[in-house]
Protein backbone atom coordinates (compact mmCIF):
# COMPACT_ATOMS: atom_id res chain seq x y z
CA MET A 1 -43.64 -78.89 18.28
CA ALA A 2 -41.30 -77.55 15.64
CA ILE A 3 -37.51 -77.11 15.27
CA LEU A 4 -35.69 -73.64 15.08
CA ARG A 5 -32.20 -73.66 13.08
CA TRP A 6 -29.79 -71.36 12.61
CA GLY A 7 -26.90 -73.18 11.79
CA GLU A 8 -25.98 -76.66 11.04
CA GLU A 9 -24.42 -77.43 14.19
CA PRO A 10 -26.80 -79.56 16.71
CA GLU A 11 -26.59 -76.76 19.31
CA HIS A 12 -27.79 -74.19 16.90
CA ALA A 13 -31.13 -75.55 16.74
CA CYS A 14 -34.35 -76.01 19.94
CA VAL A 15 -37.74 -76.86 19.97
CA VAL A 16 -40.18 -74.12 19.86
CA SER A 17 -43.50 -75.12 21.24
CA ASP A 18 -45.87 -71.92 20.21
CA GLY A 19 -45.30 -68.11 18.63
CA ALA A 20 -44.10 -66.70 22.10
CA GLU A 21 -41.56 -68.64 22.23
CA LEU A 22 -40.37 -69.20 18.40
CA GLU A 23 -40.06 -64.99 19.07
CA GLN A 24 -37.76 -65.41 22.20
CA HIS A 25 -35.25 -67.43 20.36
CA ILE A 26 -35.35 -64.80 17.05
CA ARG A 27 -34.59 -61.89 18.97
CA PRO A 28 -30.92 -62.30 20.05
CA LEU A 29 -30.32 -63.91 16.66
CA VAL A 30 -31.41 -60.29 15.39
CA THR A 31 -27.96 -58.87 16.69
CA MET A 32 -25.67 -61.18 14.88
CA ALA A 33 -27.65 -60.88 11.81
CA ALA A 34 -27.24 -57.45 11.79
CA HIS A 35 -23.88 -57.42 10.14
CA SER A 36 -24.41 -60.77 8.06
CA PRO A 37 -27.66 -61.11 7.32
CA ARG A 38 -29.10 -64.72 7.73
CA ILE A 39 -31.99 -67.22 7.06
CA VAL A 40 -33.10 -69.11 9.78
CA VAL A 41 -35.59 -72.11 9.26
CA VAL A 42 -38.98 -73.39 11.40
CA GLU A 43 -39.51 -76.63 10.59
CA GLY A 44 -42.36 -78.78 11.34
CA VAL A 45 -45.20 -76.37 11.75
CA ARG A 46 -47.67 -78.79 10.93
CA ASP A 47 -46.96 -79.97 7.19
CA HIS A 48 -45.25 -76.37 6.64
CA ALA A 49 -41.59 -74.52 6.95
CA LEU A 50 -40.91 -70.96 7.49
CA ALA A 51 -37.93 -69.39 6.14
CA ILE A 52 -37.24 -66.17 8.20
CA GLY A 53 -34.60 -63.70 6.68
CA LEU A 54 -33.05 -61.48 9.29
CA ALA A 55 -31.20 -58.26 8.50
CA GLY A 56 -31.40 -55.65 11.50
CA ALA A 57 -34.43 -53.68 11.50
CA HIS A 58 -35.53 -56.04 8.79
CA ALA A 59 -36.29 -59.28 7.92
CA THR A 60 -38.60 -61.66 5.26
CA LEU A 61 -41.08 -64.21 5.58
CA SER A 62 -41.62 -67.06 3.54
CA ILE A 63 -43.53 -70.15 4.35
CA THR A 64 -43.57 -73.43 2.32
CA THR A 65 -45.48 -76.34 2.16
CA THR A 66 -44.54 -79.47 0.06
CA HIS A 67 -47.45 -81.65 -1.50
CA ALA A 68 -46.81 -85.26 -2.29
CA ASP A 69 -48.61 -84.61 -5.75
CA THR A 70 -48.02 -81.12 -6.87
CA GLY A 71 -44.52 -80.19 -4.67
CA PRO A 72 -43.95 -77.28 -2.83
CA GLU A 73 -46.10 -74.08 -2.79
CA GLU A 74 -44.82 -71.14 -1.13
CA VAL A 75 -46.30 -67.66 0.33
CA PHE A 76 -44.39 -64.77 1.05
CA LEU A 77 -44.68 -61.38 2.98
CA ARG A 78 -44.33 -58.53 0.38
CA GLY A 79 -42.59 -55.24 1.53
CA ASP A 80 -42.01 -52.28 -0.86
CA ALA A 81 -42.41 -53.11 -4.41
CA ASP A 82 -40.13 -49.79 -5.24
CA ARG A 83 -37.09 -50.60 -2.85
CA PRO A 84 -34.13 -51.81 -5.67
CA GLY A 85 -31.27 -54.24 -5.59
CA THR A 86 -31.11 -57.26 -3.15
CA THR A 87 -29.76 -58.38 0.21
CA THR A 88 -26.81 -61.34 0.35
CA PHE A 89 -28.49 -63.59 3.16
CA PHE A 90 -26.71 -66.57 4.87
CA LEU A 91 -28.79 -69.77 5.24
CA LEU A 92 -28.33 -71.17 8.12
CA GLY A 93 -25.00 -69.26 8.53
CA THR A 94 -23.32 -70.64 5.24
CA THR A 95 -24.90 -70.96 1.91
CA HIS A 96 -25.51 -67.17 0.87
CA SER A 97 -28.93 -66.46 -1.22
CA PRO A 98 -29.42 -63.06 -2.62
CA ILE A 99 -33.16 -61.73 -1.93
CA LEU A 100 -34.74 -59.11 -3.39
CA ASN A 101 -34.91 -55.95 -1.36
CA GLU A 102 -38.76 -55.44 -2.36
CA LEU A 103 -38.76 -58.59 -0.07
CA LEU A 104 -37.54 -56.56 2.94
CA VAL A 105 -40.45 -55.87 5.66
CA PRO A 106 -39.79 -54.11 9.39
CA PHE A 107 -38.84 -57.26 11.86
CA GLU A 108 -41.81 -56.61 14.19
CA LEU A 109 -44.16 -57.19 10.92
CA ALA A 110 -42.16 -60.63 10.34
CA VAL A 111 -42.27 -61.89 13.64
CA ARG A 112 -46.12 -61.24 14.32
CA ALA A 113 -46.58 -62.89 11.27
CA ALA A 114 -44.37 -65.96 12.25
CA ARG A 115 -45.83 -66.03 15.44
CA GLU A 116 -49.60 -65.71 13.91
CA PHE A 117 -48.68 -68.74 11.74
CA VAL A 118 -46.89 -70.78 14.25
CA ASP A 119 -50.12 -70.66 16.64
CA SER A 120 -52.45 -70.82 14.20
CA GLY A 121 -51.87 -72.23 11.15
CA THR A 122 -53.21 -68.45 9.12
CA LEU A 123 -51.44 -66.00 7.42
CA LEU A 124 -51.50 -62.65 9.16
CA VAL A 125 -54.75 -60.45 8.07
CA GLY A 126 -53.62 -57.11 6.70
CA ALA A 127 -50.11 -58.12 5.79
CA ASP A 128 -49.29 -58.29 1.96
CA TRP A 129 -48.99 -61.90 1.12
CA GLU A 130 -47.88 -62.84 -2.52
CA GLN A 131 -47.97 -66.96 -3.86
CA ALA A 132 -44.49 -67.68 -5.18
CA GLU A 133 -44.85 -68.80 -8.95
CA SER A 134 -44.27 -72.22 -9.90
């Protein structure tokens, strides 16, 4: 089981047991994020955390693993490398973070990749993944 959080208040969190349940809870948040892009987090997926940036028809997805000996390791979905600029996302609805537009992917791809990871612990085959620099 994992915890999906979309705000700092306790009522802005829920338990998700699988990828289908994660998707069921994320879809309604897309409407809210269409005018104010936001990052929601999924904690407790094995030893990983997912950060999903919601921005209407587009999204971002990163998966972070924290190793006791080497620190965090992050992979993220890559979108169009030629897409210029940044989009400002709000982490849990508060702290803002500019994210490169080249990391935006279609929302449906991000959801499919998040579901796959939550259900199996594997990265979606055929998606363009990149490891973040340490």
